[in-house]
Amino acid sequence: MTGEEELDLLKLEYHIHKLMELVEKQQNEIASLRAELAAKNEKIVQQDQALDIAETKNKTLLTSRVIIANEAEAHQSKHRLEGLIREIDRCIALLQTE
């Protein structure tokens, strides 16, 4: 083998070694990115579950407010009706005394 061929062989070995290092580095980067992606996907799942819980709680609270508002309205209406009945009873009593 000539000196030039040996030099070319050494260059080739060097470049192959560098290429193998680059491949290993890229494989490590891919593994790291896959782990990060898996962690983020898990976080998304947890946040989706938390969002579902929050939405359910919000619907429950809104329903409770409607029920409370309806109960308060019913109480006020009942109170008004009782007042009107008392006033009608007074009017009837006045008419009977005349």
PDB file of N, CA and C in Angstrom:
ATOM      1  N   MET A   1       0.855  -1.153   0.000  1.00  0.00           N
ATOM      2  CA  MET A   1       0.000   0.000   0.000  1.00  0.00           C
ATOM      3  C   MET A   1       0.915   1.233   0.000  1.00  0.00           C
ATOM      4  N   THR A   2       0.548   2.203  -0.776  1.00  0.00           N
ATOM      5  CA  THR A   2       1.376   3.406  -0.882  1.00  0.00           C
ATOM      6  C   THR A   2       1.050   4.352   0.257  1.00  0.00           C
ATOM      7  N   GLY A   3       1.860   5.348   0.424  1.00  0.00           N
ATOM      8  CA  GLY A   3       1.654   6.340   1.477  1.00  0.00           C
ATOM      9  C   GLY A   3       0.376   7.129   1.273  1.00  0.00           C
ATOM     10  N   GLU A   4       0.060   7.396   0.011  1.00  0.00           N
ATOM     11  CA  GLU A   4      -1.168   8.142  -0.298  1.00  0.00           C
ATOM     12  C   GLU A   4      -2.393   7.305   0.044  1.00  0.00           C
ATOM     13  N   GLU A   5      -2.361   6.030  -0.249  1.00  0.00           N
ATOM     14  CA  GLU A   5      -3.472   5.132   0.068  1.00  0.00           C
ATOM     15  C   GLU A   5      -3.647   5.004   1.578  1.00  0.00           C
ATOM     16  N   GLU A   6      -2.521   4.933   2.287  1.00  0.00           N
ATOM     17  CA  GLU A   6      -2.596   4.870   3.751  1.00  0.00           C
ATOM     18  C   GLU A   6      -3.207   6.147   4.320  1.00  0.00           C
ATOM     19  N   LEU A   7      -2.814   7.285   3.742  1.00  0.00           N
ATOM     20  CA  LEU A   7      -3.373   8.566   4.186  1.00  0.00           C
ATOM     21  C   LEU A   7      -4.870   8.616   3.907  1.00  0.00           C
ATOM     22  N   ASP A   8      -5.279   8.160   2.727  1.00  0.00           N
ATOM     23  CA  ASP A   8      -6.707   8.115   2.389  1.00  0.00           C
ATOM     24  C   ASP A   8      -7.458   7.179   3.335  1.00  0.00           C
ATOM     25  N   LEU A   9      -6.850   6.053   3.665  1.00  0.00           N
ATOM     26  CA  LEU A   9      -7.467   5.105   4.588  1.00  0.00           C
ATOM     27  C   LEU A   9      -7.631   5.725   5.973  1.00  0.00           C
ATOM     28  N   LEU A  10      -6.606   6.433   6.445  1.00  0.00           N
ATOM     29  CA  LEU A  10      -6.693   7.103   7.747  1.00  0.00           C
ATOM     30  C   LEU A  10      -7.788   8.172   7.745  1.00  0.00           C
ATOM     31  N   LYS A  11      -7.864   8.926   6.645  1.00  0.00           N
ATOM     32  CA  LYS A  11      -8.919   9.944   6.527  1.00  0.00           C
ATOM     33  C   LYS A  11     -10.297   9.277   6.552  1.00  0.00           C
ATOM     34  N   LEU A  12     -10.421   8.173   5.817  1.00  0.00           N
ATOM     35  CA  LEU A  12     -11.694   7.449   5.779  1.00  0.00           C
ATOM     36  C   LEU A  12     -12.066   6.940   7.164  1.00  0.00           C
ATOM     37  N   GLU A  13     -11.111   6.345   7.876  1.00  0.00           N
ATOM     38  CA  GLU A  13     -11.374   5.870   9.241  1.00  0.00           C
ATOM     39  C   GLU A  13     -11.781   7.029  10.149  1.00  0.00           C
ATOM     40  N   TYR A  14     -11.114   8.161  10.004  1.00  0.00           N
ATOM     41  CA  TYR A  14     -11.441   9.343  10.815  1.00  0.00           C
ATOM     42  C   TYR A  14     -12.875   9.801  10.536  1.00  0.00           C
ATOM     43  N   HIS A  15     -13.222   9.897   9.261  1.00  0.00           N
ATOM     44  CA  HIS A  15     -14.568  10.349   8.891  1.00  0.00           C
ATOM     45  C   HIS A  15     -15.633   9.340   9.327  1.00  0.00           C
ATOM     46  N   ILE A  16     -15.324   8.057   9.214  1.00  0.00           N
ATOM     47  CA  ILE A  16     -16.264   7.029   9.691  1.00  0.00           C
ATOM     48  C   ILE A  16     -16.461   7.157  11.198  1.00  0.00           C
ATOM     49  N   HIS A  17     -15.361   7.359  11.914  1.00  0.00           N
ATOM     50  CA  HIS A  17     -15.443   7.532  13.369  1.00  0.00           C
ATOM     51  C   HIS A  17     -16.297   8.759  13.717  1.00  0.00           C
ATOM     52  N   LYS A  18     -16.061   9.880  13.024  1.00  0.00           N
ATOM     53  CA  LYS A  18     -16.848  11.098  13.262  1.00  0.00           C
ATOM     54  C   LYS A  18     -18.320  10.863  12.930  1.00  0.00           C
ATOM     55  N   LEU A  19     -18.570  10.154  11.836  1.00  0.00           N
ATOM     56  CA  LEU A  19     -19.938   9.843  11.442  1.00  0.00           C
ATOM     57  C   LEU A  19     -20.623   8.971  12.490  1.00  0.00           C
ATOM     58  N   MET A  20     -19.918   7.999  13.020  1.00  0.00           N
ATOM     59  CA  MET A  20     -20.482   7.134  14.066  1.00  0.00           C
ATOM     60  C   MET A  20     -20.785   7.943  15.324  1.00  0.00           C
ATOM     61  N   GLU A  21     -19.909   8.880  15.672  1.00  0.00           N
ATOM     62  CA  GLU A  21     -20.165   9.759  16.821  1.00  0.00           C
ATOM     63  C   GLU A  21     -21.409  10.601  16.580  1.00  0.00           C
ATOM     64  N   LEU A  22     -21.531  11.124  15.361  1.00  0.00           N
ATOM     65  CA  LEU A  22     -22.699  11.936  15.020  1.00  0.00           C
ATOM     66  C   LEU A  22     -23.979  11.105  15.093  1.00  0.00           C
ATOM     67  N   VAL A  23     -23.931   9.870  14.586  1.00  0.00           N
ATOM     68  CA  VAL A  23     -25.099   8.981  14.643  1.00  0.00           C
ATOM     69  C   VAL A  23     -25.482   8.716  16.094  1.00  0.00           C
ATOM     70  N   GLU A  24     -24.497   8.430  16.934  1.00  0.00           N
ATOM     71  CA  GLU A  24     -24.771   8.172  18.353  1.00  0.00           C
ATOM     72  C   GLU A  24     -25.373   9.409  19.018  1.00  0.00           C
ATOM     73  N   LYS A  25     -24.811  10.571  18.690  1.00  0.00           N
ATOM     74  CA  LYS A  25     -25.331  11.820  19.257  1.00  0.00           C
ATOM     75  C   LYS A  25     -26.784  12.038  18.827  1.00  0.00           C
ATOM     76  N   GLN A  26     -27.080  11.792  17.562  1.00  0.00           N
ATOM     77  CA  GLN A  26     -28.442  11.963  17.058  1.00  0.00           C
ATOM     78  C   GLN A  26     -29.397  10.945  17.691  1.00  0.00           C
ATOM     79  N   GLN A  27     -28.931   9.727  17.888  1.00  0.00           N
ATOM     80  CA  GLN A  27     -29.773   8.716  18.540  1.00  0.00           C
ATOM     81  C   GLN A  27     -30.086   9.120  19.978  1.00  0.00           C
ATOM     82  N   ASN A  28     -29.090   9.656  20.676  1.00  0.00           N
ATOM     83  CA  ASN A  28     -29.321  10.140  22.041  1.00  0.00           C
ATOM     84  C   ASN A  28     -30.309  11.301  22.042  1.00  0.00           C
ATOM     85  N   GLU A  29     -30.169  12.191  21.080  1.00  0.00           N
ATOM     86  CA  GLU A  29     -31.085  13.338  20.972  1.00  0.00           C
ATOM     87  C   GLU A  29     -32.509  12.857  20.693  1.00  0.00           C
ATOM     88  N   ILE A  30     -32.643  11.887  19.807  1.00  0.00           N
ATOM     89  CA  ILE A  30     -33.964  11.327  19.492  1.00  0.00           C
ATOM     90  C   ILE A  30     -34.574  10.684  20.731  1.00  0.00           C
ATOM     91  N   ALA A  31     -33.777   9.922  21.465  1.00  0.00           N
ATOM     92  CA  ALA A  31     -34.280   9.281  22.690  1.00  0.00           C
ATOM     93  C   ALA A  31     -34.717  10.334  23.695  1.00  0.00           C
ATOM     94  N   SER A  32     -33.933  11.387  23.820  1.00  0.00           N
ATOM     95  CA  SER A  32     -34.273  12.466  24.747  1.00  0.00           C
ATOM     96  C   SER A  32     -35.570  13.151  24.323  1.00  0.00           C
ATOM     97  N   LEU A  33     -35.704  13.428  23.034  1.00  0.00           N
ATOM     98  CA  LEU A  33     -36.918  14.078  22.529  1.00  0.00           C
ATOM     99  C   LEU A  33     -38.143  13.178  22.687  1.00  0.00           C
ATOM    100  N   ARG A  34     -37.964  11.881  22.491  1.00  0.00           N
ATOM    101  CA  ARG A  34     -39.086  10.947  22.680  1.00  0.00           C
ATOM    102  C   ARG A  34     -39.531  10.919  24.144  1.00  0.00           C
ATOM    103  N   ALA A  35     -38.561  10.938  25.049  1.00  0.00           N
ATOM    104  CA  ALA A  35     -38.901  10.959  26.477  1.00  0.00           C
ATOM    105  C   ALA A  35     -39.622  12.258  26.827  1.00  0.00           C
ATOM    106  N   GLU A  36     -39.145  13.364  26.279  1.00  0.00           N
ATOM    107  CA  GLU A  36     -39.784  14.661  26.528  1.00  0.00           C
ATOM    108  C   GLU A  36     -41.201  14.680  25.960  1.00  0.00           C
ATOM    109  N   LEU A  37     -41.363  14.118  24.768  1.00  0.00           N
ATOM    110  CA  LEU A  37     -42.685  14.041  24.146  1.00  0.00           C
ATOM    111  C   LEU A  37     -43.638  13.198  24.991  1.00  0.00           C
ATOM    112  N   ALA A  38     -43.156  12.069  25.483  1.00  0.00           N
ATOM    113  CA  ALA A  38     -43.990  11.207  26.326  1.00  0.00           C
ATOM    114  C   ALA A  38     -44.407  11.937  27.596  1.00  0.00           C
ATOM    115  N   ALA A  39     -43.476  12.684  28.199  1.00  0.00           N
ATOM    116  CA  ALA A  39     -43.795  13.437  29.413  1.00  0.00           C
ATOM    117  C   ALA A  39     -44.831  14.513  29.114  1.00  0.00           C
ATOM    118  N   LYS A  40     -44.674  15.189  27.981  1.00  0.00           N
ATOM    119  CA  LYS A  40     -45.633  16.243  27.624  1.00  0.00           C
ATOM    120  C   LYS A  40     -46.994  15.652  27.297  1.00  0.00           C
ATOM    121  N   ASN A  41     -47.010  14.500  26.637  1.00  0.00           N
ATOM    122  CA  ASN A  41     -48.289  13.842  26.353  1.00  0.00           C
ATOM    123  C   ASN A  41     -48.993  13.450  27.648  1.00  0.00           C
ATOM    124  N   GLU A  42     -48.240  12.956  28.619  1.00  0.00           N
ATOM    125  CA  GLU A  42     -48.816  12.603  29.921  1.00  0.00           C
ATOM    126  C   GLU A  42     -49.375  13.848  30.599  1.00  0.00           C
ATOM    127  N   LYS A  43     -48.638  14.944  30.505  1.00  0.00           N
ATOM    128  CA  LYS A  43     -49.102  16.199  31.101  1.00  0.00           C
ATOM    129  C   LYS A  43     -50.384  16.671  30.425  1.00  0.00           C
ATOM    130  N   ILE A  44     -50.463  16.513  29.112  1.00  0.00           N
ATOM    131  CA  ILE A  44     -51.671  16.893  28.381  1.00  0.00           C
ATOM    132  C   ILE A  44     -52.853  16.052  28.849  1.00  0.00           C
ATOM    133  N   VAL A  45     -52.641  14.760  29.020  1.00  0.00           N
ATOM    134  CA  VAL A  45     -53.710  13.872  29.491  1.00  0.00           C
ATOM    135  C   VAL A  45     -54.189  14.319  30.873  1.00  0.00           C
ATOM    136  N   GLN A  46     -53.241  14.622  31.761  1.00  0.00           N
ATOM    137  CA  GLN A  46     -53.602  15.073  33.108  1.00  0.00           C
ATOM    138  C   GLN A  46     -54.357  16.396  33.055  1.00  0.00           C
ATOM    139  N   GLN A  47     -53.922  17.310  32.194  1.00  0.00           N
ATOM    140  CA  GLN A  47     -54.598  18.600  32.092  1.00  0.00           C
ATOM    141  C   GLN A  47     -55.983  18.444  31.480  1.00  0.00           C
ATOM    142  N   ASP A  48     -56.133  17.521  30.524  1.00  0.00           N
ATOM    143  CA  ASP A  48     -57.455  17.246  29.967  1.00  0.00           C
ATOM    144  C   ASP A  48     -58.393  16.711  31.044  1.00  0.00           C
ATOM    145  N   GLN A  49     -57.880  15.823  31.886  1.00  0.00           N
ATOM    146  CA  GLN A  49     -58.696  15.289  32.976  1.00  0.00           C
ATOM    147  C   GLN A  49     -59.072  16.395  33.953  1.00  0.00           C
ATOM    148  N   ALA A  50     -58.113  17.261  34.273  1.00  0.00           N
ATOM    149  CA  ALA A  50     -58.391  18.377  35.183  1.00  0.00           C
ATOM    150  C   ALA A  50     -59.416  19.319  34.563  1.00  0.00           C
ATOM    151  N   LEU A  51     -59.310  19.538  33.257  1.00  0.00           N
ATOM    152  CA  LEU A  51     -60.272  20.395  32.566  1.00  0.00           C
ATOM    153  C   LEU A  51     -61.666  19.780  32.605  1.00  0.00           C
ATOM    154  N   ASP A  52     -61.762  18.480  32.369  1.00  0.00           N
ATOM    155  CA  ASP A  52     -63.060  17.803  32.437  1.00  0.00           C
ATOM    156  C   ASP A  52     -63.673  17.941  33.826  1.00  0.00           C
ATOM    157  N   ILE A  53     -62.854  17.770  34.852  1.00  0.00           N
ATOM    158  CA  ILE A  53     -63.338  17.914  36.229  1.00  0.00           C
ATOM    159  C   ILE A  53     -63.810  19.339  36.472  1.00  0.00           C
ATOM    160  N   ALA A  54     -63.028  20.315  36.015  1.00  0.00           N
ATOM    161  CA  ALA A  54     -63.391  21.724  36.207  1.00  0.00           C
ATOM    162  C   ALA A  54     -64.675  22.062  35.459  1.00  0.00           C
ATOM    163  N   GLU A  55     -64.832  21.535  34.239  1.00  0.00           N
ATOM    164  CA  GLU A  55     -66.056  21.792  33.476  1.00  0.00           C
ATOM    165  C   GLU A  55     -67.264  21.173  34.170  1.00  0.00           C
ATOM    166  N   THR A  56     -67.113  19.976  34.688  1.00  0.00           N
ATOM    167  CA  THR A  56     -68.205  19.326  35.412  1.00  0.00           C
ATOM    168  C   THR A  56     -68.575  20.129  36.651  1.00  0.00           C
ATOM    169  N   LYS A  57     -67.560  20.575  37.380  1.00  0.00           N
ATOM    170  CA  LYS A  57     -67.797  21.377  38.574  1.00  0.00           C
ATOM    171  C   LYS A  57     -68.496  22.685  38.208  1.00  0.00           C
ATOM    172  N   ASN A  58     -68.072  23.301  37.110  1.00  0.00           N
ATOM    173  CA  ASN A  58     -68.685  24.548  36.668  1.00  0.00           C
ATOM    174  C   ASN A  58     -70.160  24.334  36.317  1.00  0.00           C
ATOM    175  N   LYS A  59     -70.460  23.251  35.602  1.00  0.00           N
ATOM    176  CA  LYS A  59     -71.854  22.954  35.259  1.00  0.00           C
ATOM    177  C   LYS A  59     -72.679  22.741  36.523  1.00  0.00           C
ATOM    178  N   THR A  60     -72.105  22.043  37.497  1.00  0.00           N
ATOM    179  CA  THR A  60     -72.802  21.802  38.759  1.00  0.00           C
ATOM    180  C   THR A  60     -73.081  23.113  39.478  1.00  0.00           C
ATOM    181  N   LEU A  61     -72.083  23.988  39.511  1.00  0.00           N
ATOM    182  CA  LEU A  61     -72.265  25.285  40.165  1.00  0.00           C
ATOM    183  C   LEU A  61     -73.324  26.123  39.456  1.00  0.00           C
ATOM    184  N   LEU A  62     -73.309  26.112  38.126  1.00  0.00           N
ATOM    185  CA  LEU A  62     -74.320  26.867  37.381  1.00  0.00           C
ATOM    186  C   LEU A  62     -75.717  26.317  37.649  1.00  0.00           C
ATOM    187  N   THR A  63     -75.829  24.998  37.691  1.00  0.00           N
ATOM    188  CA  THR A  63     -77.120  24.379  37.992  1.00  0.00           C
ATOM    189  C   THR A  63     -77.574  24.753  39.399  1.00  0.00           C
ATOM    190  N   SER A  64     -76.647  24.745  40.340  1.00  0.00           N
ATOM    191  CA  SER A  64     -76.973  25.121  41.718  1.00  0.00           C
ATOM    192  C   SER A  64     -77.463  26.555  41.785  1.00  0.00           C
ATOM    193  N   ARG A  65     -76.802  27.437  41.050  1.00  0.00           N
ATOM    194  CA  ARG A  65     -77.229  28.845  41.050  1.00  0.00           C
ATOM    195  C   ARG A  65     -78.633  28.993  40.495  1.00  0.00           C
ATOM    196  N   VAL A  66     -78.936  28.255  39.429  1.00  0.00           N
ATOM    197  CA  VAL A  66     -80.277  28.320  38.840  1.00  0.00           C
ATOM    198  C   VAL A  66     -81.304  27.823  39.851  1.00  0.00           C
ATOM    199  N   ILE A  67     -80.993  26.716  40.518  1.00  0.00           N
ATOM    200  CA  ILE A  67     -81.920  26.165  41.514  1.00  0.00           C
ATOM    201  C   ILE A  67     -82.122  27.149  42.655  1.00  0.00           C
ATOM    202  N   ILE A  68     -81.031  27.728  43.145  1.00  0.00           N
ATOM    203  CA  ILE A  68     -81.129  28.691  44.245  1.00  0.00           C
ATOM    204  C   ILE A  68     -81.930  29.905  43.807  1.00  0.00           C
ATOM    205  N   ALA A  69     -81.678  30.388  42.581  1.00  0.00           N
ATOM    206  CA  ALA A  69     -82.412  31.549  42.075  1.00  0.00           C
ATOM    207  C   ALA A  69     -83.896  31.218  41.966  1.00  0.00           C
ATOM    208  N   ASN A  70     -84.214  30.017  41.474  1.00  0.00           N
ATOM    209  CA  ASN A  70     -85.615  29.616  41.353  1.00  0.00           C
ATOM    210  C   ASN A  70     -86.269  29.493  42.726  1.00  0.00           C
ATOM    211  N   GLU A  71     -85.540  28.959  43.705  1.00  0.00           N
ATOM    212  CA  GLU A  71     -86.089  28.848  45.057  1.00  0.00           C
ATOM    213  C   GLU A  71     -86.331  30.227  45.653  1.00  0.00           C
ATOM    214  N   ALA A  72     -85.393  31.148  45.440  1.00  0.00           N
ATOM    215  CA  ALA A  72     -85.560  32.506  45.956  1.00  0.00           C
ATOM    216  C   ALA A  72     -86.738  33.176  45.274  1.00  0.00           C
ATOM    217  N   GLU A  73     -86.871  32.982  43.961  1.00  0.00           N
ATOM    218  CA  GLU A  73     -87.994  33.543  43.227  1.00  0.00           C
ATOM    219  C   GLU A  73     -89.304  32.962  43.735  1.00  0.00           C
ATOM    220  N   ALA A  74     -89.338  31.672  43.966  1.00  0.00           N
ATOM    221  CA  ALA A  74     -90.551  31.021  44.461  1.00  0.00           C
ATOM    222  C   ALA A  74     -90.904  31.562  45.840  1.00  0.00           C
ATOM    223  N   HIS A  75     -89.913  31.751  46.689  1.00  0.00           N
ATOM    224  CA  HIS A  75     -90.150  32.292  48.027  1.00  0.00           C
ATOM    225  C   HIS A  75     -90.715  33.709  47.932  1.00  0.00           C
ATOM    226  N   GLN A  76     -90.142  34.530  47.059  1.00  0.00           N
ATOM    227  CA  GLN A  76     -90.635  35.900  46.893  1.00  0.00           C
ATOM    228  C   GLN A  76     -92.055  35.900  46.340  1.00  0.00           C
ATOM    229  N   SER A  77     -92.321  35.035  45.368  1.00  0.00           N
ATOM    230  CA  SER A  77     -93.671  34.955  44.797  1.00  0.00           C
ATOM    231  C   SER A  77     -94.677  34.518  45.852  1.00  0.00           C
ATOM    232  N   LYS A  78     -94.302  33.544  46.659  1.00  0.00           N
ATOM    233  CA  LYS A  78     -95.188  33.075  47.727  1.00  0.00           C
ATOM    234  C   LYS A  78     -95.469  34.205  48.710  1.00  0.00           C
ATOM    235  N   HIS A  79     -94.429  34.966  49.040  1.00  0.00           N
ATOM    236  CA  HIS A  79     -94.580  36.085  49.975  1.00  0.00           C
ATOM    237  C   HIS A  79     -95.519  37.147  49.383  1.00  0.00           C
ATOM    238  N   ARG A  80     -95.377  37.441  48.087  1.00  0.00           N
ATOM    239  CA  ARG A  80     -96.273  38.413  47.437  1.00  0.00           C
ATOM    240  C   ARG A  80     -97.718  37.909  47.430  1.00  0.00           C
ATOM    241  N   LEU A  81     -97.882  36.620  47.117  1.00  0.00           N
ATOM    242  CA  LEU A  81     -99.239  36.060  47.097  1.00  0.00           C
ATOM    243  C   LEU A  81     -99.886  36.114  48.479  1.00  0.00           C
ATOM    244  N   GLU A  82     -99.117  35.812  49.516  1.00  0.00           N
ATOM    245  CA  GLU A  82     -99.656  35.886  50.874  1.00  0.00           C
ATOM    246  C   GLU A  82    -100.090  37.312  51.198  1.00  0.00           C
ATOM    247  N   GLY A  83     -99.298  38.289  50.762  1.00  0.00           N
ATOM    248  CA  GLY A  83     -99.659  39.693  50.983  1.00  0.00           C
ATOM    249  C   GLY A  83    -100.933  40.056  50.246  1.00  0.00           C
ATOM    250  N   LEU A  84    -101.051  39.593  48.998  1.00  0.00           N
ATOM    251  CA  LEU A  84    -102.262  39.875  48.220  1.00  0.00           C
ATOM    252  C   LEU A  84    -103.484  39.211  48.849  1.00  0.00           C
ATOM    253  N   ILE A  85    -103.323  37.994  49.347  1.00  0.00           N
ATOM    254  CA  ILE A  85    -104.442  37.292  49.994  1.00  0.00           C
ATOM    255  C   ILE A  85    -104.885  38.049  51.234  1.00  0.00           C
ATOM    256  N   ARG A  86    -103.926  38.542  52.038  1.00  0.00           N
ATOM    257  CA  ARG A  86    -104.293  39.326  53.232  1.00  0.00           C
ATOM    258  C   ARG A  86    -105.047  40.594  52.839  1.00  0.00           C
ATOM    259  N   GLU A  87    -104.574  41.243  51.761  1.00  0.00           N
ATOM    260  CA  GLU A  87    -105.244  42.476  51.323  1.00  0.00           C
ATOM    261  C   GLU A  87    -106.656  42.180  50.825  1.00  0.00           C
ATOM    262  N   ILE A  88    -106.821  41.074  50.095  1.00  0.00           N
ATOM    263  CA  ILE A  88    -108.155  40.690  49.620  1.00  0.00           C
ATOM    264  C   ILE A  88    -109.058  40.361  50.807  1.00  0.00           C
ATOM    265  N   ASP A  89    -108.528  39.659  51.803  1.00  0.00           N
ATOM    266  CA  ASP A  89    -109.313  39.342  53.003  1.00  0.00           C
ATOM    267  C   ASP A  89    -109.761  40.621  53.700  1.00  0.00           C
ATOM    268  N   ARG A  90    -108.875  41.636  53.781  1.00  0.00           N
ATOM    269  CA  ARG A  90    -109.255  42.913  54.408  1.00  0.00           C
ATOM    270  C   ARG A  90    -110.359  43.600  53.613  1.00  0.00           C
ATOM    271  N   CYS A  91    -110.243  43.552  52.284  1.00  0.00           N
ATOM    272  CA  CYS A  91    -111.264  44.183  51.444  1.00  0.00           C
ATOM    273  C   CYS A  91    -112.614  43.482  51.625  1.00  0.00           C
ATOM    274  N   ILE A  92    -112.583  42.156  51.681  1.00  0.00           N
ATOM    275  CA  ILE A  92    -113.823  41.399  51.892  1.00  0.00           C
ATOM    276  C   ILE A  92    -114.420  41.747  53.252  1.00  0.00           C
ATOM    277  N   ALA A  93    -113.573  41.847  54.261  1.00  0.00           N
ATOM    278  CA  ALA A  93    -114.055  42.196  55.602  1.00  0.00           C
ATOM    279  C   ALA A  93    -114.675  43.583  55.602  1.00  0.00           C
ATOM    280  N   LEU A  94    -114.071  44.524  54.893  1.00  0.00           N
ATOM    281  CA  LEU A  94    -114.629  45.881  54.813  1.00  0.00           C
ATOM    282  C   LEU A  94    -115.970  45.869  54.100  1.00  0.00           C
ATOM    283  N   LEU A  95    -116.080  45.089  53.037  1.00  0.00           N
ATOM    284  CA  LEU A  95    -117.340  45.019  52.305  1.00  0.00           C
ATOM    285  C   LEU A  95    -118.438  44.387  53.165  1.00  0.00           C
ATOM    286  N   GLN A  96    -118.073  43.434  53.994  1.00  0.00           N
ATOM    287  CA  GLN A  96    -119.068  42.772  54.832  1.00  0.00           C
ATOM    288  C   GLN A  96    -119.545  43.689  55.951  1.00  0.00           C
ATOM    289  N   THR A  97    -118.713  44.607  56.413  1.00  0.00           N
ATOM    290  CA  THR A  97    -119.117  45.505  57.494  1.00  0.00           C
ATOM    291  C   THR A  97    -119.979  46.636  56.983  1.00  0.00           C
ATOM    292  N   GLU A  98    -120.018  46.886  55.735  1.00  0.00           N
ATOM    293  CA  GLU A  98    -120.808  47.999  55.210  1.00  0.00           C
ATOM    294  C   GLU A  98    -122.211  47.641  55.002  1.00  0.00           C
TER     295      GLU A  98
END
